[in-house]
Protein backbone atom coordinates (compact mmCIF):
# COMPACT_ATOMS: atom_id res chain seq x y z
CA UNK A 1 -62.95 -46.02 138.76
CA UNK A 2 -62.10 -46.54 142.45
CA UNK A 3 -58.43 -46.88 141.60
CA UNK A 4 -58.47 -43.50 139.86
CA UNK A 5 -60.08 -41.82 142.91
CA UNK A 6 -57.40 -43.32 145.15
CA UNK A 7 -54.71 -42.01 142.83
CA UNK A 8 -56.17 -38.50 142.87
CA UNK A 9 -56.53 -38.55 146.66
CA UNK A 10 -52.95 -39.73 147.03
CA UNK A 11 -51.71 -37.07 144.62
CA UNK A 12 -53.41 -34.40 146.74
CA UNK A 13 -52.59 -35.84 150.17
CA UNK A 14 -48.95 -36.80 149.57
CA UNK A 15 -47.56 -33.24 149.16
CA UNK A 16 -49.48 -32.13 152.25
CA UNK A 17 -48.19 -35.10 154.24
CA UNK A 18 -44.61 -34.34 153.15
CA UNK A 19 -45.02 -30.69 154.17
CA UNK A 20 -46.41 -31.59 157.61
CA UNK A 21 -43.66 -34.18 158.12
CA UNK A 22 -41.02 -31.57 157.28
CA UNK A 23 -42.57 -29.11 159.74
CA UNK A 24 -42.78 -31.73 162.48
CA UNK A 25 -39.15 -32.72 161.93
CA UNK A 26 -38.08 -29.06 162.26
CA UNK A 27 -40.00 -28.70 165.51
CA UNK A 28 -38.56 -31.92 166.88
CA UNK A 29 -35.06 -30.90 165.79
CA UNK A 30 -35.41 -27.57 167.59
CA UNK A 31 -36.96 -28.98 170.76
CA UNK A 32 -34.57 -31.19 172.77
CA UNK A 33 -37.26 -31.97 175.35
CA UNK A 34 -39.62 -33.26 172.68
CA UNK A 35 -36.75 -35.21 171.08
CA UNK A 36 -36.01 -36.89 174.37
CA UNK A 37 -39.68 -37.70 175.02
CA UNK A 38 -40.15 -39.23 171.58
CA UNK A 39 -36.88 -41.13 171.84
CA UNK A 40 -37.79 -42.51 175.27
CA UNK A 41 -41.26 -43.42 174.06
CA UNK A 42 -39.76 -45.21 171.06
CA UNK A 43 -37.42 -47.15 173.34
CA UNK A 44 -40.33 -48.08 175.60
CA UNK A 45 -42.40 -49.31 172.66
CA UNK A 46 -39.43 -51.35 171.41
CA UNK A 47 -39.08 -52.78 174.91
CA UNK A 48 -42.77 -53.68 174.88
CA UNK A 49 -42.27 -55.55 171.60
CA UNK A 50 -39.47 -57.62 173.18
CA UNK A 51 -41.76 -58.88 175.94
CA UNK A 52 -42.43 -62.58 175.55
CA UNK A 53 -46.08 -62.93 176.57
CA UNK A 54 -49.05 -60.76 175.65
CA UNK A 55 -49.55 -60.05 179.35
CA UNK A 56 -45.97 -58.80 179.70
CA UNK A 57 -46.35 -56.62 176.60
CA UNK A 58 -49.49 -55.06 178.03
CA UNK A 59 -47.87 -54.45 181.43
CA UNK A 60 -44.85 -52.76 179.83
CA UNK A 61 -47.09 -50.63 177.63
CA UNK A 62 -49.01 -49.47 180.70
CA UNK A 63 -45.70 -48.47 182.34
CA UNK A 64 -44.98 -46.29 179.30
CA UNK A 65 -48.44 -44.75 179.47
CA UNK A 66 -47.96 -43.89 183.14
CA UNK A 67 -44.55 -42.34 182.44
CA UNK A 68 -45.99 -40.13 179.70
CA UNK A 69 -48.86 -39.14 181.98
CA UNK A 70 -46.39 -38.16 184.71
CA UNK A 71 -44.41 -36.06 182.22
CA UNK A 72 -47.59 -34.23 181.22
CA UNK A 73 -48.62 -33.71 184.85
CA UNK A 74 -45.18 -32.35 185.80
CA UNK A 75 -45.18 -29.95 182.87
CA UNK A 76 -48.57 -28.48 183.77
CA UNK A 77 -48.90 -25.67 186.28
CA UNK A 78 -49.99 -26.91 189.67
CA UNK A 79 -52.61 -24.18 190.10
CA UNK A 80 -55.50 -24.73 187.70
CA UNK A 81 -56.42 -28.13 186.37
CA UNK A 82 -55.81 -28.02 182.63
CA UNK A 83 -57.32 -30.23 179.96
CA UNK A 84 -53.92 -31.92 179.53
CA UNK A 85 -53.71 -32.68 183.26
CA UNK A 86 -57.22 -34.15 183.29
CA UNK A 87 -56.35 -36.22 180.23
CA UNK A 88 -53.09 -37.47 181.79
CA UNK A 89 -54.91 -38.40 185.00
CA UNK A 90 -57.41 -40.34 182.90
CA UNK A 91 -54.55 -42.18 181.18
CA UNK A 92 -53.17 -43.26 184.54
CA UNK A 93 -56.59 -44.45 185.71
CA UNK A 94 -57.17 -46.43 182.51
CA UNK A 95 -53.68 -47.98 182.76
CA UNK A 96 -54.57 -49.05 186.31
CA UNK A 97 -57.82 -50.60 185.05
CA UNK A 98 -55.98 -52.56 182.37
CA UNK A 99 -53.47 -53.89 184.89
CA UNK A 100 -56.22 -54.82 187.36
CA UNK A 101 -58.00 -56.72 184.59
CA UNK A 102 -54.75 -58.57 183.82
CA UNK A 103 -54.27 -59.53 187.46
CA UNK A 104 -57.83 -60.84 187.72
CA UNK A 105 -57.49 -62.69 184.43
CA UNK A 106 -54.48 -64.61 185.77
CA UNK A 107 -56.78 -66.33 188.27
CA UNK A 108 -59.33 -67.42 185.70
CA UNK A 109 -59.49 -70.76 183.88
CA UNK A 110 -57.30 -70.94 180.78
CA UNK A 111 -60.32 -70.99 178.47
CA UNK A 112 -61.57 -67.72 179.92
CA UNK A 113 -58.07 -66.23 179.75
CA UNK A 114 -57.92 -66.98 176.03
CA UNK A 115 -61.31 -65.44 175.39
CA UNK A 116 -60.82 -62.31 177.53
CA UNK A 117 -57.18 -61.44 176.78
CA UNK A 118 -58.00 -59.95 173.35
CA UNK A 119 -60.42 -57.52 175.03
CA UNK A 120 -57.75 -56.41 177.48
CA UNK A 121 -55.23 -56.10 174.63
CA UNK A 122 -57.70 -53.91 172.75
CA UNK A 123 -58.14 -51.66 175.81
CA UNK A 124 -54.35 -51.33 176.14
CA UNK A 125 -53.81 -50.70 172.43
CA UNK A 126 -56.47 -48.02 172.41
CA UNK A 127 -54.86 -46.26 175.37
CA UNK A 128 -51.37 -46.41 173.85
CA UNK A 129 -52.72 -45.05 170.57
CA UNK A 130 -54.41 -42.18 172.41
CA UNK A 131 -51.19 -41.24 174.22
CA UNK A 132 -49.15 -41.43 171.03
CA UNK A 133 -51.71 -39.36 169.13
CA UNK A 134 -51.61 -36.78 171.90
CA UNK A 135 -47.83 -36.48 171.59
CA UNK A 136 -48.10 -36.06 167.84
CA UNK A 137 -50.89 -33.50 168.23
CA UNK A 138 -48.72 -31.55 170.70
CA UNK A 139 -45.99 -31.41 168.06
CA UNK A 140 -48.50 -30.24 165.46
CA UNK A 141 -49.73 -27.48 167.81
CA UNK A 142 -46.18 -26.31 168.27
CA UNK A 143 -45.90 -26.04 164.48
CA UNK A 144 -48.84 -23.65 164.50
CA UNK A 145 -47.37 -21.46 167.25
């Protein structure tokens, strides 16, 4: 019975997903700035994957987060503080927290490093996912406009 429900859900969701993907691809194709941002973000994530240690991967990911935050802050008007600007500032602060935790962890005994590194990785992964989701949501909003 569960398999049948999954099949029905997939049959309903798949056409919608294809339609949204087509709309997003049109927006990206017609927006060189968005193309460049997504391309640069993809390159940064690929660079993160090439890092040798988990600590290096986290540090590179936080660089990417900061870059995206700076892009958002530059694109916002300098007058009123928008939701996007507040969010981008929060990203930068959280990236700083992750990097501070990494620096402190380096001075801990190896046993503690092994036990605490997964928590720091989870913090970093959550932040990267939030930034990526925000970029995708921005593209979706542009579809609606």
